[in-house]
Amino acid sequence: MDSREKLAAALEQLLQYKSIDAVSVIEISSAAGVSRKTFYRCFRDKYDLVTWYFARFYEASFGRIKEEIAWETAMLAHLDFYQAKHRVLKNAYTTHDINGLRQFDVSITRRTYEIYLRQHGANLADEELQFAIEFAARGGTDMVIEWLLSGMKLPPQRLVKLLKQTLPQKLLQHIG
């Protein structure tokens, strides 16, 4: 296991019980069995580590729409990840830092939609399509985070259906 993996595993353990704001780089490094110097060789700060951790799971779930996996299947895989890592993610999202996971989540979702749409010949210069992408990235991300933070009471299949129903038509015409 390389240093990044060790740090991610240590972060995951710490986020089981504490919010990201309450976790220090020293705690993460110590739990990973590496020095602070090694931490900073791998990551800018603890928020950079959180986004690296999240990005790996994101790409293996919703990010797979870029590989022609059905939108619903990819979103269900994404929600499965949220259910499996709910305590970790809840503690990762509860931050007021500008570098927090929410901002990264919106950004990676936006990029995922743009890549997917570009692959399908969509005109990304279209102002209405750009608005639809932004709406879907922000709205979808916020609704999934709210689902997580409120205890995931809605069955994942129902949430997927509701999320897809609210996607802008400009986006839906490319997703199918």
N, C-alpha and C. Protein backbone atom coordinates (compact mmCIF):
# COMPACT_ATOMS: atom_id res chain seq x y z
N MET A 1 0.86 -1.17 0.00
CA MET A 1 0.00 0.00 0.00
C MET A 1 0.91 1.24 0.00
N ASP A 2 0.69 2.12 -0.95
CA ASP A 2 1.53 3.33 -1.01
C ASP A 2 1.05 4.36 0.01
N SER A 3 1.79 5.46 0.13
CA SER A 3 1.49 6.49 1.14
C SER A 3 0.09 7.08 0.96
N ARG A 4 -0.31 7.34 -0.27
CA ARG A 4 -1.65 7.90 -0.52
C ARG A 4 -2.73 6.96 0.00
N GLU A 5 -2.57 5.68 -0.30
CA GLU A 5 -3.55 4.68 0.15
C GLU A 5 -3.57 4.59 1.68
N LYS A 6 -2.40 4.63 2.29
CA LYS A 6 -2.33 4.58 3.76
C LYS A 6 -3.03 5.80 4.37
N LEU A 7 -2.78 6.96 3.79
CA LEU A 7 -3.41 8.19 4.28
C LEU A 7 -4.93 8.15 4.09
N ALA A 8 -5.38 7.63 2.95
CA ALA A 8 -6.82 7.52 2.69
C ALA A 8 -7.47 6.55 3.67
N ALA A 9 -6.81 5.43 3.94
CA ALA A 9 -7.35 4.46 4.90
C ALA A 9 -7.42 5.08 6.30
N ALA A 10 -6.39 5.83 6.68
CA ALA A 10 -6.40 6.49 7.99
C ALA A 10 -7.51 7.54 8.06
N LEU A 11 -7.66 8.30 6.99
CA LEU A 11 -8.74 9.30 6.94
C LEU A 11 -10.10 8.63 7.10
N GLU A 12 -10.30 7.55 6.37
CA GLU A 12 -11.58 6.84 6.45
C GLU A 12 -11.87 6.39 7.87
N GLN A 13 -10.86 5.89 8.56
CA GLN A 13 -11.04 5.47 9.96
C GLN A 13 -11.42 6.65 10.85
N LEU A 14 -10.71 7.75 10.70
CA LEU A 14 -10.97 8.93 11.53
C LEU A 14 -12.35 9.54 11.24
N LEU A 15 -12.76 9.52 9.98
CA LEU A 15 -14.06 10.10 9.62
C LEU A 15 -15.25 9.23 10.05
N GLN A 16 -14.96 8.06 10.54
CA GLN A 16 -16.03 7.23 11.11
C GLN A 16 -16.62 7.92 12.36
N TYR A 17 -15.78 8.72 13.03
CA TYR A 17 -16.16 9.26 14.34
C TYR A 17 -16.07 10.77 14.47
N LYS A 18 -15.39 11.44 13.51
CA LYS A 18 -15.17 12.89 13.62
C LYS A 18 -15.43 13.56 12.29
N SER A 19 -15.83 14.82 12.35
CA SER A 19 -15.99 15.60 11.12
C SER A 19 -14.62 15.95 10.58
N ILE A 20 -14.55 16.24 9.31
CA ILE A 20 -13.29 16.60 8.68
C ILE A 20 -12.67 17.83 9.34
N ASP A 21 -13.50 18.75 9.80
CA ASP A 21 -12.98 19.95 10.46
C ASP A 21 -12.31 19.62 11.79
N ALA A 22 -12.70 18.50 12.42
CA ALA A 22 -12.13 18.12 13.72
C ALA A 22 -10.91 17.21 13.59
N VAL A 23 -10.59 16.81 12.36
CA VAL A 23 -9.45 15.93 12.12
C VAL A 23 -8.25 16.78 11.69
N SER A 24 -7.09 16.48 12.26
CA SER A 24 -5.88 17.23 11.88
C SER A 24 -4.98 16.40 10.98
N VAL A 25 -4.11 17.08 10.26
CA VAL A 25 -3.13 16.41 9.41
C VAL A 25 -2.23 15.53 10.27
N ILE A 26 -1.89 15.99 11.46
CA ILE A 26 -1.05 15.20 12.36
C ILE A 26 -1.75 13.88 12.72
N GLU A 27 -3.06 13.95 13.02
CA GLU A 27 -3.81 12.72 13.34
C GLU A 27 -3.83 11.75 12.16
N ILE A 28 -4.08 12.29 10.97
CA ILE A 28 -4.13 11.45 9.77
C ILE A 28 -2.78 10.80 9.53
N SER A 29 -1.72 11.59 9.58
CA SER A 29 -0.37 11.07 9.35
C SER A 29 -0.01 10.00 10.37
N SER A 30 -0.28 10.29 11.62
CA SER A 30 0.02 9.34 12.70
C SER A 30 -0.74 8.03 12.50
N ALA A 31 -2.03 8.12 12.21
CA ALA A 31 -2.84 6.92 12.00
C ALA A 31 -2.38 6.12 10.79
N ALA A 32 -1.81 6.81 9.80
CA ALA A 32 -1.32 6.15 8.59
C ALA A 32 0.10 5.61 8.77
N GLY A 33 0.76 6.03 9.84
CA GLY A 33 2.13 5.60 10.06
C GLY A 33 3.14 6.27 9.13
N VAL A 34 2.82 7.51 8.75
CA VAL A 34 3.73 8.29 7.90
C VAL A 34 3.97 9.65 8.54
N SER A 35 4.98 10.34 8.08
CA SER A 35 5.29 11.66 8.63
C SER A 35 4.40 12.74 8.01
N ARG A 36 4.36 13.89 8.68
CA ARG A 36 3.63 15.04 8.10
C ARG A 36 4.25 15.43 6.77
N LYS A 37 5.56 15.33 6.69
CA LYS A 37 6.28 15.66 5.46
C LYS A 37 5.77 14.77 4.31
N THR A 38 5.59 13.50 4.59
CA THR A 38 5.06 12.57 3.58
C THR A 38 3.63 12.97 3.21
N PHE A 39 2.83 13.33 4.22
CA PHE A 39 1.47 13.78 3.93
C PHE A 39 1.52 14.92 2.91
N TYR A 40 2.34 15.94 3.19
CA TYR A 40 2.37 17.12 2.33
C TYR A 40 3.06 16.86 0.99
N ARG A 41 3.81 15.78 0.88
CA ARG A 41 4.33 15.38 -0.41
C ARG A 41 3.21 14.80 -1.28
N CYS A 42 2.22 14.22 -0.62
CA CYS A 42 1.11 13.58 -1.33
C CYS A 42 -0.08 14.51 -1.56
N PHE A 43 -0.38 15.37 -0.60
CA PHE A 43 -1.59 16.20 -0.65
C PHE A 43 -1.30 17.61 -0.16
N ARG A 44 -2.04 18.58 -0.71
CA ARG A 44 -1.90 19.99 -0.28
C ARG A 44 -2.38 20.18 1.15
N ASP A 45 -3.52 19.53 1.47
CA ASP A 45 -4.13 19.65 2.79
C ASP A 45 -5.10 18.50 2.98
N LYS A 46 -5.80 18.47 4.10
CA LYS A 46 -6.70 17.35 4.37
C LYS A 46 -7.90 17.34 3.40
N TYR A 47 -8.28 18.50 2.90
CA TYR A 47 -9.39 18.56 1.94
C TYR A 47 -8.99 17.97 0.59
N ASP A 48 -7.73 18.14 0.23
CA ASP A 48 -7.20 17.53 -0.99
C ASP A 48 -7.24 16.01 -0.85
N LEU A 49 -6.89 15.50 0.32
CA LEU A 49 -6.98 14.06 0.58
C LEU A 49 -8.43 13.59 0.48
N VAL A 50 -9.36 14.32 1.07
CA VAL A 50 -10.77 13.94 1.02
C VAL A 50 -11.25 13.86 -0.43
N THR A 51 -10.89 14.84 -1.24
CA THR A 51 -11.36 14.82 -2.63
C THR A 51 -10.70 13.68 -3.41
N TRP A 52 -9.44 13.38 -3.13
CA TRP A 52 -8.78 12.25 -3.78
C TRP A 52 -9.48 10.95 -3.42
N TYR A 53 -9.79 10.80 -2.14
CA TYR A 53 -10.52 9.62 -1.64
C TYR A 53 -11.86 9.50 -2.35
N PHE A 54 -12.61 10.60 -2.39
CA PHE A 54 -13.95 10.60 -2.99
C PHE A 54 -13.88 10.33 -4.49
N ALA A 55 -12.91 10.93 -5.18
CA ALA A 55 -12.81 10.81 -6.64
C ALA A 55 -12.66 9.36 -7.08
N ARG A 56 -11.94 8.58 -6.32
CA ARG A 56 -11.77 7.16 -6.69
C ARG A 56 -13.10 6.44 -6.70
N PHE A 57 -13.92 6.68 -5.70
CA PHE A 57 -15.23 6.03 -5.64
C PHE A 57 -16.19 6.62 -6.66
N TYR A 58 -16.10 7.93 -6.85
CA TYR A 58 -16.96 8.60 -7.83
C TYR A 58 -16.74 8.02 -9.22
N GLU A 59 -15.47 7.91 -9.61
CA GLU A 59 -15.15 7.41 -10.95
C GLU A 59 -15.60 5.96 -11.14
N ALA A 60 -15.62 5.20 -10.05
CA ALA A 60 -16.06 3.80 -10.12
C ALA A 60 -17.58 3.66 -10.06
N SER A 61 -18.27 4.77 -9.86
CA SER A 61 -19.74 4.71 -9.79
C SER A 61 -20.35 5.64 -10.83
N PHE A 62 -20.77 6.84 -10.44
CA PHE A 62 -21.44 7.73 -11.39
C PHE A 62 -20.54 8.14 -12.55
N GLY A 63 -19.25 8.24 -12.32
CA GLY A 63 -18.31 8.59 -13.38
C GLY A 63 -18.31 7.62 -14.54
N ARG A 64 -18.88 6.45 -14.32
CA ARG A 64 -18.90 5.43 -15.37
C ARG A 64 -19.90 5.74 -16.49
N ILE A 65 -20.70 6.79 -16.35
CA ILE A 65 -21.56 7.14 -17.49
C ILE A 65 -20.71 7.48 -18.71
N LYS A 66 -19.47 7.90 -18.47
CA LYS A 66 -18.55 8.21 -19.57
C LYS A 66 -18.15 6.95 -20.33
N GLU A 67 -18.39 5.78 -19.71
CA GLU A 67 -18.05 4.49 -20.32
C GLU A 67 -19.30 3.81 -20.89
N GLU A 68 -20.34 4.58 -21.09
CA GLU A 68 -21.60 4.08 -21.66
C GLU A 68 -22.41 3.22 -20.70
N ILE A 69 -22.16 3.34 -19.41
CA ILE A 69 -23.00 2.69 -18.41
C ILE A 69 -24.27 3.54 -18.31
N ALA A 70 -25.42 2.91 -18.23
CA ALA A 70 -26.69 3.65 -18.15
C ALA A 70 -26.67 4.61 -16.96
N TRP A 71 -27.26 5.79 -17.15
CA TRP A 71 -27.31 6.82 -16.12
C TRP A 71 -27.86 6.25 -14.82
N GLU A 72 -28.97 5.52 -14.89
CA GLU A 72 -29.61 4.97 -13.69
C GLU A 72 -28.69 3.97 -12.98
N THR A 73 -28.03 3.13 -13.74
CA THR A 73 -27.12 2.13 -13.17
C THR A 73 -25.95 2.82 -12.47
N ALA A 74 -25.39 3.82 -13.12
CA ALA A 74 -24.27 4.56 -12.54
C ALA A 74 -24.70 5.29 -11.27
N MET A 75 -25.88 5.91 -11.30
CA MET A 75 -26.35 6.63 -10.11
C MET A 75 -26.65 5.67 -8.97
N LEU A 76 -27.22 4.51 -9.27
CA LEU A 76 -27.46 3.51 -8.21
C LEU A 76 -26.14 3.05 -7.59
N ALA A 77 -25.12 2.85 -8.41
CA ALA A 77 -23.80 2.46 -7.88
C ALA A 77 -23.25 3.57 -6.99
N HIS A 78 -23.49 4.81 -7.39
CA HIS A 78 -23.05 5.97 -6.60
C HIS A 78 -23.76 5.99 -5.24
N LEU A 79 -25.05 5.75 -5.25
CA LEU A 79 -25.81 5.74 -4.00
C LEU A 79 -25.42 4.54 -3.13
N ASP A 80 -25.07 3.43 -3.75
CA ASP A 80 -24.58 2.28 -2.98
C ASP A 80 -23.31 2.65 -2.22
N PHE A 81 -22.43 3.40 -2.89
CA PHE A 81 -21.21 3.89 -2.25
C PHE A 81 -21.57 4.77 -1.06
N TYR A 82 -22.55 5.66 -1.22
CA TYR A 82 -22.98 6.54 -0.13
C TYR A 82 -23.51 5.72 1.04
N GLN A 83 -24.27 4.68 0.74
CA GLN A 83 -24.80 3.84 1.82
C GLN A 83 -23.67 3.09 2.53
N ALA A 84 -22.73 2.57 1.77
CA ALA A 84 -21.63 1.81 2.37
C ALA A 84 -20.70 2.69 3.21
N LYS A 85 -20.54 3.93 2.81
CA LYS A 85 -19.60 4.84 3.47
C LYS A 85 -20.33 6.01 4.14
N HIS A 86 -21.56 5.80 4.57
CA HIS A 86 -22.39 6.92 5.03
C HIS A 86 -21.78 7.71 6.17
N ARG A 87 -21.19 7.07 7.17
CA ARG A 87 -20.61 7.83 8.29
C ARG A 87 -19.41 8.65 7.83
N VAL A 88 -18.59 8.05 7.02
CA VAL A 88 -17.40 8.74 6.50
C VAL A 88 -17.82 9.94 5.67
N LEU A 89 -18.75 9.74 4.74
CA LEU A 89 -19.18 10.83 3.87
C LEU A 89 -19.93 11.92 4.63
N LYS A 90 -20.76 11.51 5.57
CA LYS A 90 -21.47 12.51 6.38
C LYS A 90 -20.47 13.42 7.07
N ASN A 91 -19.43 12.85 7.63
CA ASN A 91 -18.41 13.65 8.32
C ASN A 91 -17.52 14.42 7.35
N ALA A 92 -17.41 13.94 6.12
CA ALA A 92 -16.62 14.65 5.12
C ALA A 92 -17.39 15.85 4.56
N TYR A 93 -18.71 15.72 4.42
CA TYR A 93 -19.52 16.81 3.88
C TYR A 93 -19.80 17.91 4.89
N THR A 94 -19.75 17.61 6.17
CA THR A 94 -20.10 18.62 7.17
C THR A 94 -18.90 19.51 7.47
N THR A 95 -18.59 20.37 6.52
CA THR A 95 -17.54 21.36 6.69
C THR A 95 -18.02 22.67 6.10
N HIS A 96 -17.46 23.74 6.61
CA HIS A 96 -17.78 25.06 6.07
C HIS A 96 -16.60 25.62 5.27
N ASP A 97 -15.58 24.80 5.10
CA ASP A 97 -14.39 25.23 4.37
C ASP A 97 -14.70 25.32 2.87
N ILE A 98 -14.18 26.32 2.23
CA ILE A 98 -14.39 26.54 0.80
C ILE A 98 -13.84 25.37 -0.02
N ASN A 99 -12.86 24.66 0.53
CA ASN A 99 -12.26 23.52 -0.16
C ASN A 99 -13.00 22.22 0.13
N GLY A 100 -14.18 22.31 0.71
CA GLY A 100 -14.91 21.13 1.13
C GLY A 100 -15.34 20.21 0.00
N LEU A 101 -15.81 19.05 0.39
CA LEU A 101 -16.18 18.00 -0.56
C LEU A 101 -17.34 18.40 -1.45
N ARG A 102 -18.29 19.18 -0.97
CA ARG A 102 -19.43 19.57 -1.79
C ARG A 102 -18.98 20.27 -3.07
N GLN A 103 -18.08 21.23 -2.92
CA GLN A 103 -17.60 21.97 -4.10
C GLN A 103 -16.93 21.03 -5.10
N PHE A 104 -16.14 20.12 -4.59
CA PHE A 104 -15.49 19.16 -5.46
C PHE A 104 -16.51 18.26 -6.14
N ASP A 105 -17.50 17.81 -5.39
CA ASP A 105 -18.54 16.93 -5.92
C ASP A 105 -19.27 17.61 -7.08
N VAL A 106 -19.66 18.87 -6.90
CA VAL A 106 -20.32 19.62 -7.97
C VAL A 106 -19.39 19.71 -9.18
N SER A 107 -18.15 20.01 -8.95
CA SER A 107 -17.17 20.18 -10.03
C SER A 107 -16.95 18.88 -10.81
N ILE A 108 -16.77 17.78 -10.12
CA ILE A 108 -16.52 16.51 -10.81
C ILE A 108 -17.78 16.04 -11.53
N THR A 109 -18.94 16.33 -10.98
CA THR A 109 -20.19 15.97 -11.65
C THR A 109 -20.36 16.80 -12.91
N ARG A 110 -20.06 18.09 -12.83
CA ARG A 110 -20.13 18.96 -14.01
C ARG A 110 -19.20 18.44 -15.11
N ARG A 111 -17.97 18.15 -14.74
CA ARG A 111 -16.99 17.63 -15.72
C ARG A 111 -17.45 16.30 -16.32
N THR A 112 -18.03 15.44 -15.49
CA THR A 112 -18.52 14.15 -15.98
C THR A 112 -19.60 14.35 -17.03
N TYR A 113 -20.56 15.23 -16.75
CA TYR A 113 -21.60 15.51 -17.73
C TYR A 113 -20.99 16.09 -19.01
N GLU A 114 -20.06 17.00 -18.88
CA GLU A 114 -19.45 17.62 -20.07
C GLU A 114 -18.72 16.59 -20.92
N ILE A 115 -17.96 15.71 -20.28
CA ILE A 115 -17.25 14.67 -21.03
C ILE A 115 -18.25 13.75 -21.73
N TYR A 116 -19.25 13.33 -20.98
CA TYR A 116 -20.28 12.44 -21.55
C TYR A 116 -20.95 13.10 -22.76
N LEU A 117 -21.35 14.34 -22.60
CA LEU A 117 -22.06 15.05 -23.67
C LEU A 117 -21.15 15.29 -24.88
N ARG A 118 -19.89 15.62 -24.63
CA ARG A 118 -18.93 15.81 -25.72
C ARG A 118 -18.78 14.51 -26.51
N GLN A 119 -18.72 13.39 -25.79
CA GLN A 119 -18.61 12.07 -26.44
C GLN A 119 -19.82 11.77 -27.32
N HIS A 120 -20.94 12.38 -27.00
CA HIS A 120 -22.18 12.15 -27.75
C HIS A 120 -22.50 13.28 -28.72
N GLY A 121 -21.51 14.09 -29.01
CA GLY A 121 -21.65 15.12 -30.04
C GLY A 121 -22.46 16.34 -29.67
N ALA A 122 -22.69 16.56 -28.38
CA ALA A 122 -23.44 17.73 -27.95
C ALA A 122 -22.60 18.99 -28.13
N ASN A 123 -23.27 20.09 -28.39
CA ASN A 123 -22.62 21.39 -28.54
C ASN A 123 -22.49 22.04 -27.17
N LEU A 124 -21.32 21.91 -26.56
CA LEU A 124 -21.12 22.45 -25.22
C LEU A 124 -21.07 23.97 -25.19
N ALA A 125 -21.02 24.60 -26.34
CA ALA A 125 -21.05 26.06 -26.39
C ALA A 125 -22.48 26.58 -26.25
N ASP A 126 -23.45 25.70 -26.35
CA ASP A 126 -24.87 26.07 -26.23
C ASP A 126 -25.14 26.55 -24.80
N GLU A 127 -25.57 27.79 -24.68
CA GLU A 127 -25.81 28.40 -23.37
C GLU A 127 -26.86 27.64 -22.56
N GLU A 128 -27.92 27.19 -23.23
CA GLU A 128 -28.97 26.45 -22.52
C GLU A 128 -28.45 25.11 -22.01
N LEU A 129 -27.61 24.45 -22.80
CA LEU A 129 -27.04 23.18 -22.36
C LEU A 129 -26.09 23.41 -21.19
N GLN A 130 -25.29 24.47 -21.23
CA GLN A 130 -24.40 24.78 -20.11
C GLN A 130 -25.20 25.03 -18.83
N PHE A 131 -26.32 25.74 -18.97
CA PHE A 131 -27.18 25.98 -17.81
C PHE A 131 -27.74 24.66 -17.29
N ALA A 132 -28.16 23.78 -18.19
CA ALA A 132 -28.72 22.48 -17.81
C ALA A 132 -27.66 21.63 -17.07
N ILE A 133 -26.44 21.66 -17.57
CA ILE A 133 -25.35 20.91 -16.92
C ILE A 133 -25.12 21.45 -15.51
N GLU A 134 -25.05 22.75 -15.38
CA GLU A 134 -24.82 23.36 -14.07
C GLU A 134 -25.97 23.06 -13.11
N PHE A 135 -27.18 23.15 -13.61
CA PHE A 135 -28.37 22.85 -12.82
C PHE A 135 -28.33 21.41 -12.32
N ALA A 136 -28.02 20.48 -13.23
CA ALA A 136 -27.97 19.07 -12.86
C ALA A 136 -26.83 18.78 -11.89
N ALA A 137 -25.68 19.39 -12.12
CA ALA A 137 -24.53 19.15 -11.25
C ALA A 137 -24.79 19.67 -9.84
N ARG A 138 -25.27 20.90 -9.74
CA ARG A 138 -25.53 21.48 -8.41
C ARG A 138 -26.74 20.84 -7.74
N GLY A 139 -27.84 20.76 -8.47
CA GLY A 139 -29.08 20.23 -7.89
C GLY A 139 -28.96 18.76 -7.52
N GLY A 140 -28.42 17.97 -8.43
CA GLY A 140 -28.27 16.54 -8.15
C GLY A 140 -27.33 16.29 -6.98
N THR A 141 -26.22 16.99 -6.96
CA THR A 141 -25.26 16.84 -5.86
C THR A 141 -25.90 17.23 -4.54
N ASP A 142 -26.58 18.36 -4.51
CA ASP A 142 -27.20 18.80 -3.25
C ASP A 142 -28.28 17.84 -2.77
N MET A 143 -29.05 17.28 -3.70
CA MET A 143 -30.11 16.35 -3.29
C MET A 143 -29.52 15.04 -2.76
N VAL A 144 -28.44 14.56 -3.36
CA VAL A 144 -27.80 13.35 -2.87
C VAL A 144 -27.18 13.61 -1.49
N ILE A 145 -26.55 14.76 -1.32
CA ILE A 145 -25.98 15.10 -0.01
C ILE A 145 -27.10 15.22 1.03
N GLU A 146 -28.19 15.87 0.68
CA GLU A 146 -29.32 15.99 1.61
C GLU A 146 -29.87 14.61 1.98
N TRP A 147 -29.98 13.73 1.00
CA TRP A 147 -30.43 12.35 1.24
C TRP A 147 -29.51 11.68 2.26
N LEU A 148 -28.20 11.83 2.07
CA LEU A 148 -27.22 11.26 2.98
C LEU A 148 -27.36 11.84 4.39
N LEU A 149 -27.36 13.17 4.48
CA LEU A 149 -27.37 13.83 5.79
C LEU A 149 -28.67 13.64 6.55
N SER A 150 -29.77 13.38 5.83
CA SER A 150 -31.06 13.20 6.49
C SER A 150 -31.36 11.73 6.80
N GLY A 151 -30.38 10.87 6.64
CA GLY A 151 -30.55 9.48 7.06
C GLY A 151 -30.92 8.50 5.96
N MET A 152 -30.88 8.89 4.71
CA MET A 152 -31.12 8.01 3.56
C MET A 152 -32.44 7.24 3.68
N LYS A 153 -33.49 7.94 4.04
CA LYS A 153 -34.78 7.30 4.26
C LYS A 153 -35.45 6.85 2.96
N LEU A 154 -35.23 7.58 1.90
CA LEU A 154 -35.80 7.25 0.60
C LEU A 154 -35.02 6.09 -0.02
N PRO A 155 -35.70 5.07 -0.54
CA PRO A 155 -34.96 3.98 -1.20
C PRO A 155 -34.14 4.52 -2.38
N PRO A 156 -32.93 4.01 -2.58
CA PRO A 156 -32.08 4.51 -3.66
C PRO A 156 -32.77 4.51 -5.04
N GLN A 157 -33.52 3.46 -5.34
CA GLN A 157 -34.19 3.39 -6.64
C GLN A 157 -35.17 4.55 -6.82
N ARG A 158 -35.85 4.92 -5.75
CA ARG A 158 -36.80 6.03 -5.81
C ARG A 158 -36.05 7.36 -6.00
N LEU A 159 -34.94 7.53 -5.28
CA LEU A 159 -34.15 8.75 -5.44
C LEU A 159 -33.63 8.87 -6.87
N VAL A 160 -33.15 7.77 -7.43
CA VAL A 160 -32.66 7.79 -8.82
C VAL A 160 -33.78 8.23 -9.76
N LYS A 161 -34.97 7.69 -9.56
CA LYS A 161 -36.11 8.06 -10.42
C LYS A 161 -36.43 9.55 -10.29
N LEU A 162 -36.45 10.05 -9.06
CA LEU A 162 -36.75 11.47 -8.84
C LEU A 162 -35.66 12.36 -9.43
N LEU A 163 -34.41 11.98 -9.25
CA LEU A 163 -33.31 12.77 -9.81
C LEU A 163 -33.40 12.83 -11.33
N LYS A 164 -33.68 11.70 -11.96
CA LYS A 164 -33.76 11.69 -13.42
C LYS A 164 -34.95 12.50 -13.91
N GLN A 165 -36.07 12.43 -13.21
CA GLN A 165 -37.26 13.20 -13.60
C GLN A 165 -37.01 14.70 -13.55
N THR A 166 -36.10 15.12 -12.72
CA THR A 166 -35.85 16.56 -12.57
C THR A 166 -34.71 17.07 -13.45
N LEU A 167 -34.06 16.18 -14.18
CA LEU A 167 -33.00 16.64 -15.09
C LEU A 167 -33.60 17.52 -16.17
N PRO A 168 -32.93 18.60 -16.53
CA PRO A 168 -33.43 19.47 -17.60
C PRO A 168 -33.54 18.71 -18.92
N GLN A 169 -34.57 19.04 -19.69
CA GLN A 169 -34.82 18.39 -20.97
C GLN A 169 -33.60 18.47 -21.89
N LYS A 170 -32.90 19.58 -21.87
CA LYS A 170 -31.71 19.77 -22.70
C LYS A 170 -30.66 18.70 -22.42
N LEU A 171 -30.60 18.24 -21.19
CA LEU A 171 -29.67 17.20 -20.81
C LEU A 171 -30.25 15.82 -21.08
N LEU A 172 -31.52 15.65 -20.75
CA LEU A 172 -32.19 14.36 -20.93
C LEU A 172 -32.17 13.88 -22.38
N GLN A 173 -32.24 14.80 -23.32
CA GLN A 173 -32.27 14.38 -24.72
C GLN A 173 -30.97 13.68 -25.12
N HIS A 174 -29.90 13.91 -24.39
CA HIS A 174 -28.63 13.23 -24.67
C HIS A 174 -28.42 12.00 -23.81
N ILE A 175 -29.09 11.92 -22.68
CA ILE A 175 -28.90 10.82 -21.75
C ILE A 175 -29.84 9.65 -22.08
N GLY A 176 -31.03 9.99 -22.51
CA GLY A 176 -32.00 8.94 -22.89
C GLY A 176 -32.73 8.33 -21.74
